[in-house]
């Protein structure tokens, strides 16, 4: 292995003992071996630390770092990236499983095509016991049950499109649930973003910003298995619950969650607008992206208004 690894894998974790071993085994079994695996533990109170230290002693590619306290999921998610050094970066969840060819297939694409900023295999779901299960996602305004998640829902728009505006348009209309953030990303591009913002839709905000910079590429094989279980922070939880996971200290305030829930949509709009300002776009592209963002805001507002009316009724 070279002095600096080709790939860095960052795993944020908190109380992950049940699935952690299987996730780590799947990463250490990759056919591409020039990588580092940095585990950042958010002060777990179960056997997570013990398990991580045993893997670090067994394999020199594994580095275990433990926070002094639980600083929240988003802090951990971002900081694990800052601890890494590779040319490419992959976030890894403590409960997901990667097939052995995950890294090698993604790197084939990234090394060959500099216009691709993110590569990810097709995604399937597994249950608590590792058996295949359907994934529930929201690629638009409705809800779909899918055996796997793919990047293309509309042939007229795609995050693989060479036009940044078309990629942005896709991100504003689709990919409400975003496991593709766990693909392999160019670390230099990722470092120029604001990373995962403190927002429960921050994964989508970050992916949308990456789409403004370059194309996404989907590996046609199903090499990535997302585990669906009751403890997973996902769109099946309420906004209040996800905000509490992101801000464990602030969430103790009785005013925090109500205020944050009110600000969810304005904050999302402002974060997307800032991404457009930072992106390497022409003037006409920037205007087109702002227009698409405004249209998305109107859709979100109608959806939110409909939700409020249903509650009142």
Protein backbone atom coordinates (compact mmCIF):
# COMPACT_ATOMS: atom_id res chain seq x y z
CA UNK A 1 0.00 0.00 0.00
CA UNK A 2 1.28 3.48 -0.86
CA UNK A 3 2.09 6.11 1.80
CA UNK A 4 -1.26 7.79 1.15
CA UNK A 5 -4.12 5.43 0.35
CA UNK A 6 -5.94 5.69 -2.96
CA UNK A 7 -9.30 5.46 -1.18
CA UNK A 8 -10.46 6.53 2.24
CA UNK A 9 -13.51 4.99 3.86
CA UNK A 10 -15.08 6.93 6.70
CA UNK A 11 -17.49 5.19 9.04
CA UNK A 12 -19.39 7.32 11.59
CA UNK A 13 -20.95 5.13 14.26
CA UNK A 14 -22.93 5.29 17.47
CA UNK A 15 -24.03 2.17 19.33
CA UNK A 16 -23.64 -0.01 16.28
CA UNK A 17 -22.61 -3.31 17.86
CA UNK A 18 -25.39 -5.43 16.33
CA UNK A 19 -24.46 -4.89 12.66
CA UNK A 20 -20.97 -3.40 12.88
CA UNK A 21 -19.02 -6.61 12.46
CA UNK A 22 -20.77 -7.60 9.24
CA UNK A 23 -20.32 -4.11 7.80
CA UNK A 24 -16.59 -4.07 8.62
CA UNK A 25 -16.04 -7.57 7.25
CA UNK A 26 -17.65 -6.55 3.95
CA UNK A 27 -15.33 -3.54 3.65
CA UNK A 28 -12.16 -5.40 4.59
CA UNK A 29 -13.03 -8.11 2.04
CA UNK A 30 -12.87 -5.66 -0.90
CA UNK A 31 -10.90 -6.88 -3.91
CA UNK A 32 -9.34 -3.40 -4.13
CA UNK A 33 -7.10 -3.18 -1.08
CA UNK A 34 -5.33 0.22 -1.20
CA UNK A 35 -7.60 1.97 1.26
CA UNK A 36 -7.80 3.25 4.81
CA UNK A 37 -10.85 2.74 6.98
CA UNK A 38 -11.38 5.44 9.62
CA UNK A 39 -14.07 4.74 12.22
CA UNK A 40 -15.29 7.75 14.20
CA UNK A 41 -17.23 6.66 17.27
CA UNK A 42 -19.67 9.17 18.75
CA UNK A 43 -18.99 7.99 22.35
CA UNK A 44 -20.95 4.74 22.06
CA UNK A 45 -22.11 3.11 25.28
CA UNK A 46 -22.42 -0.45 23.94
CA UNK A 47 -19.66 -2.80 22.68
CA UNK A 48 -18.87 -0.65 19.63
CA UNK A 49 -15.51 0.53 21.00
CA UNK A 50 -14.42 -3.01 21.86
CA UNK A 51 -15.31 -4.28 18.39
CA UNK A 52 -13.59 -1.38 16.61
CA UNK A 53 -10.38 -1.75 18.60
CA UNK A 54 -10.24 -5.45 17.82
CA UNK A 55 -10.48 -4.74 14.08
CA UNK A 56 -7.86 -1.98 14.32
CA UNK A 57 -5.45 -4.39 16.01
CA UNK A 58 -6.11 -7.03 13.39
CA UNK A 59 -5.82 -4.88 10.23
CA UNK A 60 -3.44 -1.90 9.82
CA UNK A 61 -5.83 -0.25 7.37
CA UNK A 62 -8.32 0.34 10.19
CA UNK A 63 -8.02 3.42 12.43
CA UNK A 64 -10.39 3.92 15.35
CA UNK A 65 -11.10 7.39 16.77
CA UNK A 66 -13.50 8.03 19.64
CA UNK A 67 -15.20 11.34 20.41
CA UNK A 68 -15.25 12.50 24.04
CA UNK A 69 -19.04 12.91 23.84
CA UNK A 70 -21.94 12.35 21.46
CA UNK A 71 -21.74 15.41 19.20
CA UNK A 72 -24.58 14.33 16.94
CA UNK A 73 -24.83 12.31 13.74
CA UNK A 74 -24.07 15.15 11.31
CA UNK A 75 -20.97 16.30 13.19
CA UNK A 76 -19.68 12.73 13.13
CA UNK A 77 -20.56 12.27 9.47
CA UNK A 78 -18.59 15.36 8.44
CA UNK A 79 -15.65 14.96 10.78
CA UNK A 80 -14.84 11.44 9.69
CA UNK A 81 -14.18 12.84 6.19
CA UNK A 82 -11.81 15.45 7.63
CA UNK A 83 -9.76 12.69 9.25
CA UNK A 84 -9.02 10.98 5.93
CA UNK A 85 -6.32 11.46 3.27
CA UNK A 86 -7.27 9.48 0.16
CA UNK A 87 -7.79 10.69 -3.40
CA UNK A 88 -11.27 9.17 -3.28
CA UNK A 89 -13.65 8.98 -0.36
CA UNK A 90 -16.54 6.76 0.64
CA UNK A 91 -18.85 7.11 3.62
CA UNK A 92 -19.81 3.74 5.09
CA UNK A 93 -22.72 3.07 7.42
CA UNK A 94 -22.18 0.69 10.31
CA UNK A 95 -25.21 -1.39 9.25
CA UNK A 96 -24.86 -1.65 5.44
CA UNK A 97 -23.10 -4.35 3.44
CA UNK A 98 -20.87 -3.93 0.37
CA UNK A 99 -20.04 -6.69 -2.08
CA UNK A 100 -16.28 -7.36 -2.59
CA UNK A 101 -16.21 -5.60 -5.99
CA UNK A 102 -17.81 -2.37 -4.73
CA UNK A 103 -14.62 -0.27 -4.65
CA UNK A 104 -12.94 -1.77 -7.70
CA UNK A 105 -15.92 -1.23 -9.96
CA UNK A 106 -16.39 2.36 -8.81
CA UNK A 107 -12.69 3.16 -9.25
CA UNK A 108 -12.68 1.81 -12.80
CA UNK A 109 -15.15 4.54 -13.71
CA UNK A 110 -13.60 7.37 -11.69
CA UNK A 111 -10.06 6.72 -12.93
CA UNK A 112 -11.20 6.57 -16.54
CA UNK A 113 -13.56 9.57 -16.61
CA UNK A 114 -12.56 12.79 -14.77
CA UNK A 115 -16.02 14.26 -15.39
CA UNK A 116 -17.57 11.76 -12.97
CA UNK A 117 -17.56 12.99 -9.36
CA UNK A 118 -19.48 10.10 -7.78
CA UNK A 119 -19.79 6.43 -8.66
CA UNK A 120 -22.14 4.03 -6.91
CA UNK A 121 -23.48 0.55 -7.65
CA UNK A 122 -27.16 -0.20 -7.75
CA UNK A 123 -28.69 -0.35 -4.28
CA UNK A 124 -30.85 -3.08 -2.78
CA UNK A 125 -32.41 -3.46 0.64
CA UNK A 126 -31.78 -6.09 3.31
CA UNK A 127 -33.64 -6.63 6.56
CA UNK A 128 -32.31 -7.07 10.09
CA UNK A 129 -31.24 -10.63 9.31
CA UNK A 130 -29.61 -9.81 5.98
CA UNK A 131 -32.44 -11.11 3.80
CA UNK A 132 -33.48 -9.13 0.69
CA UNK A 133 -36.34 -6.70 1.26
CA UNK A 134 -38.07 -3.92 -0.65
CA UNK A 135 -36.98 -0.31 -0.22
CA UNK A 136 -39.59 2.37 0.28
CA UNK A 137 -38.54 5.67 -1.26
CA UNK A 138 -40.08 8.85 -2.62
CA UNK A 139 -38.71 9.71 -6.07
CA UNK A 140 -41.03 12.67 -6.57
CA UNK A 141 -44.29 13.48 -4.84
CA UNK A 142 -45.63 9.96 -4.47
CA UNK A 143 -44.25 6.93 -2.72
CA UNK A 144 -42.78 3.89 -4.43
CA UNK A 145 -41.83 0.45 -3.17
CA UNK A 146 -38.77 -0.78 -5.04
CA UNK A 147 -36.67 -3.94 -4.91
CA UNK A 148 -33.67 -1.67 -5.54
CA UNK A 149 -32.88 2.00 -6.05
CA UNK A 150 -31.58 3.26 -9.38
CA UNK A 151 -30.45 6.72 -10.39
CA UNK A 152 -32.74 7.21 -13.39
CA UNK A 153 -36.47 7.82 -12.93
CA UNK A 154 -37.02 10.05 -15.98
CA UNK A 155 -35.10 9.46 -19.23
CA UNK A 156 -35.19 13.22 -19.96
CA UNK A 157 -33.24 14.01 -16.77
CA UNK A 158 -30.36 12.23 -15.12
CA UNK A 159 -27.47 12.94 -12.72
CA UNK A 160 -25.30 11.37 -15.42
CA UNK A 161 -26.23 14.10 -17.93
CA UNK A 162 -23.29 16.20 -19.20
CA UNK A 163 -25.39 19.35 -18.66
CA UNK A 164 -25.20 20.66 -15.08
CA UNK A 165 -28.68 22.19 -15.34
CA UNK A 166 -30.23 18.85 -16.25
CA UNK A 167 -28.43 17.19 -13.36
CA UNK A 168 -29.71 19.90 -11.00
CA UNK A 169 -33.23 19.56 -12.39
CA UNK A 170 -33.14 15.84 -11.65
CA UNK A 171 -31.94 16.45 -8.10
CA UNK A 172 -34.70 18.97 -7.45
CA UNK A 173 -37.39 16.56 -8.64
CA UNK A 174 -36.15 13.13 -7.58
CA UNK A 175 -33.87 11.24 -5.17
CA UNK A 176 -35.75 12.11 -1.99
CA UNK A 177 -34.00 9.24 -0.21
CA UNK A 178 -30.33 9.22 -1.09
CA UNK A 179 -28.21 6.11 -0.36
CA UNK A 180 -26.02 7.05 -3.34
CA UNK A 181 -24.14 9.41 -1.02
CA UNK A 182 -22.44 6.21 0.19
CA UNK A 183 -20.81 5.73 -3.20
CA UNK A 184 -17.20 6.66 -4.00
CA UNK A 185 -16.63 10.42 -4.36
CA UNK A 186 -13.67 12.51 -5.51
CA UNK A 187 -12.30 13.81 -2.20
CA UNK A 188 -11.05 17.07 -3.71
CA UNK A 189 -14.52 17.90 -5.01
CA UNK A 190 -16.15 16.93 -1.72
CA UNK A 191 -13.71 19.14 0.22
CA UNK A 192 -14.91 22.20 -1.72
CA UNK A 193 -18.51 21.71 -0.58
CA UNK A 194 -20.04 22.58 2.79
CA UNK A 195 -20.36 18.82 3.43
CA UNK A 196 -23.52 17.58 5.14
CA UNK A 197 -25.40 20.65 6.45
CA UNK A 198 -27.18 20.56 9.80
CA UNK A 199 -30.49 19.69 8.19
CA UNK A 200 -32.42 16.42 8.16
CA UNK A 201 -32.40 16.55 4.34
CA UNK A 202 -28.69 17.36 4.33
CA UNK A 203 -27.76 14.24 2.38
CA UNK A 204 -29.91 15.42 -0.52
CA UNK A 205 -28.55 18.97 -0.24
CA UNK A 206 -24.98 17.69 -0.47
CA UNK A 207 -25.73 15.35 -3.38
CA UNK A 208 -27.39 18.20 -5.26
CA UNK A 209 -24.28 20.34 -4.81
CA UNK A 210 -22.06 17.53 -6.08
CA UNK A 211 -24.32 17.18 -9.12
CA UNK A 212 -23.63 20.81 -10.03
CA UNK A 213 -19.90 20.02 -10.22
CA UNK A 214 -19.88 16.75 -12.15
CA UNK A 215 -21.72 13.66 -13.28
CA UNK A 216 -22.85 10.65 -11.25
CA UNK A 217 -22.29 7.16 -12.62
CA UNK A 218 -24.27 4.11 -11.62
CA UNK A 219 -22.52 0.72 -11.73
CA UNK A 220 -25.10 -1.69 -13.21
CA UNK A 221 -24.40 -4.47 -10.67
CA UNK A 222 -26.22 -4.64 -7.33
CA UNK A 223 -23.18 -4.38 -5.07
CA UNK A 224 -24.56 -2.26 -2.23
CA UNK A 225 -27.09 -3.50 0.33
CA UNK A 226 -28.77 -0.96 2.61
CA UNK A 227 -30.04 -2.45 5.85
CA UNK A 228 -33.54 -1.37 6.83
CA UNK A 229 -34.33 -1.64 10.52
CA UNK A 230 -36.22 0.24 13.21
CA UNK A 231 -33.20 2.14 14.55
CA UNK A 232 -32.08 3.52 11.18
CA UNK A 233 -32.26 7.32 10.82
CA UNK A 234 -34.25 7.64 7.62
CA UNK A 235 -37.34 9.19 6.12
CA UNK A 236 -39.48 6.76 8.10
CA UNK A 237 -38.79 8.89 11.19
CA UNK A 238 -40.43 12.24 11.86
CA UNK A 239 -38.58 15.50 11.22
CA UNK A 240 -38.43 16.07 14.98
CA UNK A 241 -36.75 12.71 15.61
CA UNK A 242 -34.19 13.22 12.86
CA UNK A 243 -33.40 16.74 14.09
CA UNK A 244 -32.88 15.37 17.60
CA UNK A 245 -30.37 12.83 16.26
CA UNK A 246 -28.51 15.61 14.44
CA UNK A 247 -28.48 17.98 17.45
CA UNK A 248 -28.50 15.83 20.63
CA UNK A 249 -27.46 18.70 22.94
CA UNK A 250 -29.65 21.44 21.51
CA UNK A 251 -32.60 19.08 21.23
CA UNK A 252 -32.93 19.12 25.03
CA UNK A 253 -34.29 22.67 24.76
CA UNK A 254 -38.13 22.69 24.75
CA UNK A 255 -38.10 25.32 21.99
CA UNK A 256 -35.49 23.73 19.76
CA UNK A 257 -37.51 21.18 17.79
CA UNK A 258 -40.60 23.35 17.13
CA UNK A 259 -38.41 26.21 15.90
CA UNK A 260 -36.23 23.93 13.78
CA UNK A 261 -39.26 22.28 12.18
CA UNK A 262 -40.61 25.68 11.14
CA UNK A 263 -37.25 26.56 9.57
CA UNK A 264 -36.78 23.26 7.72
CA UNK A 265 -37.95 24.46 4.30
CA UNK A 266 -36.42 27.98 4.37
CA UNK A 267 -33.09 26.48 5.45
CA UNK A 268 -33.24 23.94 2.66
CA UNK A 269 -33.96 26.66 0.10
CA UNK A 270 -31.06 28.80 1.35
CA UNK A 271 -28.65 25.85 1.34
CA UNK A 272 -29.53 24.97 -2.26
CA UNK A 273 -29.23 28.62 -3.32
CA UNK A 274 -25.75 28.80 -1.74
CA UNK A 275 -24.75 25.67 -3.66
CA UNK A 276 -25.72 27.35 -6.93
CA UNK A 277 -23.64 30.43 -6.03
CA UNK A 278 -20.56 28.28 -5.32
CA UNK A 279 -20.86 26.06 -8.38
CA UNK A 280 -18.69 26.52 -11.51
CA UNK A 281 -21.60 27.56 -13.77
CA UNK A 282 -22.12 30.04 -16.55
CA UNK A 283 -24.52 32.94 -15.97
CA UNK A 284 -27.31 31.31 -17.98
CA UNK A 285 -26.82 27.98 -16.21
CA UNK A 286 -26.99 29.71 -12.84
CA UNK A 287 -30.25 31.44 -13.74
CA UNK A 288 -31.75 28.16 -14.97
CA UNK A 289 -30.78 26.46 -11.69
CA UNK A 290 -32.33 29.25 -9.62
CA UNK A 291 -35.53 28.95 -11.66
CA UNK A 292 -35.65 25.20 -11.06
CA UNK A 293 -35.02 25.74 -7.36
CA UNK A 294 -37.90 28.23 -7.18
CA UNK A 295 -40.18 25.70 -8.88
CA UNK A 296 -39.07 23.09 -6.34
CA UNK A 297 -39.79 25.47 -3.45
CA UNK A 298 -43.32 25.94 -4.77
CA UNK A 299 -43.80 22.18 -4.95
CA UNK A 300 -42.45 21.73 -1.41
CA UNK A 301 -44.71 24.55 -0.15
CA UNK A 302 -47.80 22.94 -1.71
CA UNK A 303 -46.85 19.58 -0.25
CA UNK A 304 -46.27 21.11 3.20
CA UNK A 305 -49.53 23.07 3.00
CA UNK A 306 -51.44 19.94 2.04
CA UNK A 307 -49.93 18.11 5.00
CA UNK A 308 -51.00 20.88 7.41
CA UNK A 309 -54.52 20.93 5.99
CA UNK A 310 -54.84 17.16 6.36
CA UNK A 311 -53.83 17.45 10.01
CA UNK A 312 -56.42 20.16 10.64
CA UNK A 313 -59.10 18.17 8.88
